[in-house]
Structure formats: C-alpha cells, structure tokens
Amino acid sequence: MPIYEYRCPSCGFQKEHLQKMSDAPLSSCPSCGTAGYTKLLSAAGFQLKGSGWYATDFKGGAAPSTPAPAAAPPCAGGSGACACH
C-alpha cells in the first residue's frame, strides 16, 4: 500500500498516511478538524535490498583509478621547438 503525505492549510499539520490506492483521499485535518486537508506531491522513496547488480556495481566506493598518461620523451634534437613529436 502506498504512503501518502497530507498537509492542512489552516493549522499546518502534516502527516503521512498508509492508504490503498482505491481509498478516497482524506479531507478533514486530524489535528484541527477543518476541511481542506490535502494530499501533497512528493518524491517516491524506495530502497533496494539484497545482493543484486545495484549492490555490487553501483553501491559506494570510489571509481576505479586509471593510470596517468606518460610524459612525452625529450626532443632528440636538443631543442624544445622541434616537430619530431
């Protein structure tokens, strides 16, 4: 069953309610009793559990390091302005 978050515009009371999708939305505030208790739009939250790809491939840790590129060899002609590279 989904969890819906509601807020009262009169008193500011806010609470999460576990409801079936087929249940009618709540309309009266449990704190002050006024009508207008409205459902809020909030991001869905979920947590993956177990040892699937999400735990082994993307969970924590730093990205694998790559070796630094090698420095260019010095110029064979002795001057730093040659075009031999």
N, C-alpha and C. Protein backbone atom coordinates (compact mmCIF):
# COMPACT_ATOMS: atom_id res chain seq x y z
N MET A 1 0.85 -1.18 0.00
CA MET A 1 0.00 0.00 0.00
C MET A 1 0.89 1.24 0.00
N PRO A 2 0.54 2.22 -0.77
CA PRO A 2 1.31 3.45 -0.83
C PRO A 2 1.15 4.32 0.43
N ILE A 3 2.15 5.13 0.67
CA ILE A 3 2.10 6.10 1.76
C ILE A 3 1.89 7.48 1.13
N TYR A 4 0.86 8.16 1.58
CA TYR A 4 0.55 9.50 1.06
C TYR A 4 0.81 10.53 2.15
N GLU A 5 1.31 11.66 1.74
CA GLU A 5 1.59 12.75 2.68
C GLU A 5 0.51 13.82 2.51
N TYR A 6 -0.03 14.27 3.64
CA TYR A 6 -1.09 15.28 3.65
C TYR A 6 -0.65 16.46 4.49
N ARG A 7 -1.24 17.64 4.17
CA ARG A 7 -0.99 18.85 4.95
C ARG A 7 -2.27 19.66 5.06
N CYS A 8 -2.44 20.28 6.24
CA CYS A 8 -3.60 21.14 6.49
C CYS A 8 -3.20 22.58 6.22
N PRO A 9 -3.93 23.28 5.35
CA PRO A 9 -3.60 24.68 5.06
C PRO A 9 -3.97 25.61 6.23
N SER A 10 -4.87 25.18 7.10
CA SER A 10 -5.30 26.03 8.21
C SER A 10 -4.29 26.06 9.36
N CYS A 11 -3.91 24.86 9.83
CA CYS A 11 -3.03 24.81 11.00
C CYS A 11 -1.61 24.37 10.67
N GLY A 12 -1.35 23.91 9.44
CA GLY A 12 -0.02 23.49 9.04
C GLY A 12 0.35 22.07 9.44
N PHE A 13 -0.59 21.34 10.03
CA PHE A 13 -0.34 19.96 10.43
C PHE A 13 -0.01 19.12 9.20
N GLN A 14 1.03 18.29 9.30
CA GLN A 14 1.44 17.45 8.18
C GLN A 14 1.72 16.04 8.69
N LYS A 15 1.24 15.04 7.93
CA LYS A 15 1.41 13.65 8.35
C LYS A 15 1.34 12.73 7.14
N GLU A 16 2.01 11.57 7.27
CA GLU A 16 1.93 10.53 6.24
C GLU A 16 0.85 9.53 6.64
N HIS A 17 0.10 9.06 5.64
CA HIS A 17 -0.97 8.10 5.87
C HIS A 17 -0.81 6.92 4.92
N LEU A 18 -0.94 5.71 5.44
CA LEU A 18 -0.90 4.50 4.65
C LEU A 18 -2.31 4.22 4.15
N GLN A 19 -2.49 4.25 2.82
CA GLN A 19 -3.82 4.08 2.23
C GLN A 19 -3.74 3.18 1.01
N LYS A 20 -4.85 2.52 0.72
CA LYS A 20 -4.96 1.78 -0.53
C LYS A 20 -5.12 2.79 -1.66
N MET A 21 -4.73 2.40 -2.85
CA MET A 21 -4.89 3.29 -3.99
C MET A 21 -6.36 3.54 -4.28
N SER A 22 -7.23 2.60 -3.92
CA SER A 22 -8.66 2.74 -4.17
C SER A 22 -9.38 3.56 -3.09
N ASP A 23 -8.71 3.86 -1.96
CA ASP A 23 -9.32 4.66 -0.90
C ASP A 23 -9.54 6.10 -1.34
N ALA A 24 -10.60 6.70 -0.86
CA ALA A 24 -10.86 8.12 -1.14
C ALA A 24 -9.85 8.97 -0.37
N PRO A 25 -9.43 10.09 -0.94
CA PRO A 25 -8.49 10.97 -0.24
C PRO A 25 -9.10 11.50 1.05
N LEU A 26 -8.25 11.70 2.05
CA LEU A 26 -8.71 12.28 3.31
C LEU A 26 -9.05 13.74 3.09
N SER A 27 -10.03 14.25 3.83
CA SER A 27 -10.42 15.64 3.61
C SER A 27 -10.43 16.48 4.88
N SER A 28 -10.56 15.86 6.05
CA SER A 28 -10.58 16.66 7.28
C SER A 28 -9.28 16.44 8.06
N CYS A 29 -8.75 17.51 8.60
CA CYS A 29 -7.49 17.50 9.34
C CYS A 29 -7.66 16.77 10.67
N PRO A 30 -6.80 15.79 10.98
CA PRO A 30 -6.91 15.09 12.26
C PRO A 30 -6.50 15.96 13.44
N SER A 31 -5.81 17.06 13.20
CA SER A 31 -5.37 17.94 14.27
C SER A 31 -6.41 18.98 14.65
N CYS A 32 -6.90 19.73 13.65
CA CYS A 32 -7.83 20.81 13.95
C CYS A 32 -9.26 20.53 13.48
N GLY A 33 -9.45 19.49 12.64
CA GLY A 33 -10.78 19.11 12.21
C GLY A 33 -11.34 19.88 11.03
N THR A 34 -10.63 20.86 10.52
CA THR A 34 -11.15 21.64 9.39
C THR A 34 -11.04 20.86 8.08
N ALA A 35 -11.88 21.20 7.13
CA ALA A 35 -11.82 20.60 5.81
C ALA A 35 -10.67 21.25 5.03
N GLY A 36 -10.21 20.58 4.04
CA GLY A 36 -9.14 21.13 3.22
C GLY A 36 -7.82 20.41 3.40
N TYR A 37 -7.81 19.33 4.16
CA TYR A 37 -6.62 18.50 4.36
C TYR A 37 -6.26 17.94 2.99
N THR A 38 -5.13 18.34 2.42
CA THR A 38 -4.82 17.99 1.04
C THR A 38 -3.60 17.09 0.91
N LYS A 39 -3.66 16.25 -0.11
CA LYS A 39 -2.57 15.33 -0.42
C LYS A 39 -1.44 16.12 -1.09
N LEU A 40 -0.22 15.88 -0.66
CA LEU A 40 0.95 16.56 -1.23
C LEU A 40 1.58 15.68 -2.30
N LEU A 41 2.26 16.32 -3.21
CA LEU A 41 3.02 15.62 -4.23
C LEU A 41 4.43 15.49 -3.71
N SER A 42 4.90 14.28 -3.53
CA SER A 42 6.26 14.08 -3.02
C SER A 42 6.95 12.99 -3.82
N ALA A 43 8.27 12.98 -3.75
CA ALA A 43 9.06 12.00 -4.49
C ALA A 43 8.90 10.62 -3.87
N ALA A 44 8.85 9.64 -4.71
CA ALA A 44 8.75 8.26 -4.22
C ALA A 44 10.10 7.83 -3.68
N GLY A 45 10.09 7.17 -2.57
CA GLY A 45 11.32 6.67 -1.99
C GLY A 45 11.29 5.16 -1.94
N PHE A 46 12.41 4.54 -2.25
CA PHE A 46 12.49 3.09 -2.16
C PHE A 46 13.93 2.71 -1.88
N GLN A 47 14.11 1.53 -1.37
CA GLN A 47 15.43 1.03 -1.05
C GLN A 47 15.58 -0.36 -1.62
N LEU A 48 16.64 -0.57 -2.37
CA LEU A 48 16.91 -1.88 -2.93
C LEU A 48 17.67 -2.69 -1.91
N LYS A 49 17.27 -3.94 -1.70
CA LYS A 49 17.93 -4.81 -0.72
C LYS A 49 18.37 -6.08 -1.42
N GLY A 50 19.40 -6.69 -0.89
CA GLY A 50 19.87 -7.95 -1.45
C GLY A 50 21.26 -7.79 -2.03
N SER A 51 21.63 -8.73 -2.87
CA SER A 51 22.99 -8.70 -3.43
C SER A 51 22.96 -8.67 -4.95
N GLY A 52 22.06 -7.91 -5.51
CA GLY A 52 21.95 -7.80 -6.97
C GLY A 52 22.98 -6.85 -7.55
N TRP A 53 22.87 -6.56 -8.82
CA TRP A 53 23.83 -5.70 -9.52
C TRP A 53 23.93 -4.32 -8.89
N TYR A 54 22.83 -3.81 -8.31
CA TYR A 54 22.83 -2.48 -7.72
C TYR A 54 23.73 -2.42 -6.50
N ALA A 55 23.90 -3.54 -5.80
CA ALA A 55 24.76 -3.57 -4.61
C ALA A 55 26.22 -3.79 -4.99
N THR A 56 26.46 -4.62 -6.02
CA THR A 56 27.83 -4.94 -6.37
C THR A 56 28.47 -3.94 -7.33
N ASP A 57 27.69 -3.35 -8.20
CA ASP A 57 28.26 -2.47 -9.21
C ASP A 57 28.16 -0.98 -8.92
N PHE A 58 27.14 -0.55 -8.18
CA PHE A 58 26.92 0.88 -8.02
C PHE A 58 26.88 1.36 -6.58
N LYS A 59 27.11 0.49 -5.63
CA LYS A 59 26.96 0.87 -4.23
C LYS A 59 28.29 1.34 -3.65
N GLY A 60 28.37 2.62 -3.28
CA GLY A 60 29.53 3.16 -2.55
C GLY A 60 30.84 2.98 -3.28
N GLY A 61 31.91 3.30 -2.58
CA GLY A 61 33.26 3.12 -3.12
C GLY A 61 33.59 4.13 -4.20
N ALA A 62 34.85 4.25 -4.45
CA ALA A 62 35.34 5.17 -5.47
C ALA A 62 35.42 4.46 -6.81
N ALA A 63 35.42 5.22 -7.86
CA ALA A 63 35.55 4.67 -9.19
C ALA A 63 36.96 4.12 -9.35
N PRO A 64 37.15 3.09 -10.15
CA PRO A 64 38.49 2.55 -10.35
C PRO A 64 39.41 3.61 -10.93
N SER A 65 40.63 3.62 -10.44
CA SER A 65 41.57 4.64 -10.92
C SER A 65 42.19 4.20 -12.23
N THR A 66 42.54 5.17 -13.06
CA THR A 66 43.19 4.90 -14.33
C THR A 66 44.60 5.44 -14.26
N PRO A 67 45.55 4.76 -14.91
CA PRO A 67 46.93 5.26 -14.85
C PRO A 67 47.06 6.61 -15.54
N ALA A 68 47.94 7.44 -15.01
CA ALA A 68 48.18 8.76 -15.59
C ALA A 68 48.92 8.59 -16.91
N PRO A 69 48.66 9.46 -17.90
CA PRO A 69 49.36 9.35 -19.18
C PRO A 69 50.86 9.59 -18.99
N ALA A 70 51.65 8.88 -19.76
CA ALA A 70 53.11 9.02 -19.67
C ALA A 70 53.54 10.37 -20.23
N ALA A 71 54.63 10.90 -19.68
CA ALA A 71 55.16 12.18 -20.16
C ALA A 71 55.82 11.97 -21.52
N ALA A 72 55.80 12.97 -22.36
CA ALA A 72 56.40 12.89 -23.68
C ALA A 72 57.93 12.80 -23.54
N PRO A 73 58.58 11.99 -24.38
CA PRO A 73 60.04 11.87 -24.30
C PRO A 73 60.69 13.19 -24.73
N PRO A 74 61.88 13.46 -24.21
CA PRO A 74 62.57 14.71 -24.59
C PRO A 74 62.92 14.70 -26.07
N CYS A 75 63.10 15.86 -26.63
CA CYS A 75 63.41 16.02 -28.05
C CYS A 75 64.81 15.48 -28.34
N ALA A 76 64.91 14.67 -29.40
CA ALA A 76 66.20 14.08 -29.77
C ALA A 76 67.16 15.13 -30.34
N GLY A 77 66.65 16.21 -30.88
CA GLY A 77 67.49 17.20 -31.49
C GLY A 77 68.09 18.18 -30.49
N GLY A 78 67.66 18.16 -29.26
CA GLY A 78 68.24 19.03 -28.26
C GLY A 78 67.46 20.31 -28.05
N SER A 79 66.68 20.75 -29.03
CA SER A 79 65.92 21.99 -28.84
C SER A 79 64.48 21.63 -28.51
N GLY A 80 63.81 22.45 -27.76
CA GLY A 80 62.45 22.19 -27.38
C GLY A 80 61.45 22.59 -28.45
N ALA A 81 61.89 23.14 -29.56
CA ALA A 81 60.97 23.64 -30.57
C ALA A 81 60.92 22.79 -31.83
N CYS A 82 61.35 21.53 -31.75
CA CYS A 82 61.32 20.70 -32.94
C CYS A 82 59.94 20.13 -33.18
N ALA A 83 59.71 19.56 -34.34
CA ALA A 83 58.41 18.99 -34.70
C ALA A 83 58.51 17.48 -34.83
N CYS A 84 59.44 16.87 -34.10
CA CYS A 84 59.61 15.41 -34.22
C CYS A 84 58.58 14.64 -33.41
N HIS A 85 57.77 15.24 -32.62
CA HIS A 85 56.76 14.52 -31.83
C HIS A 85 55.43 14.57 -32.53
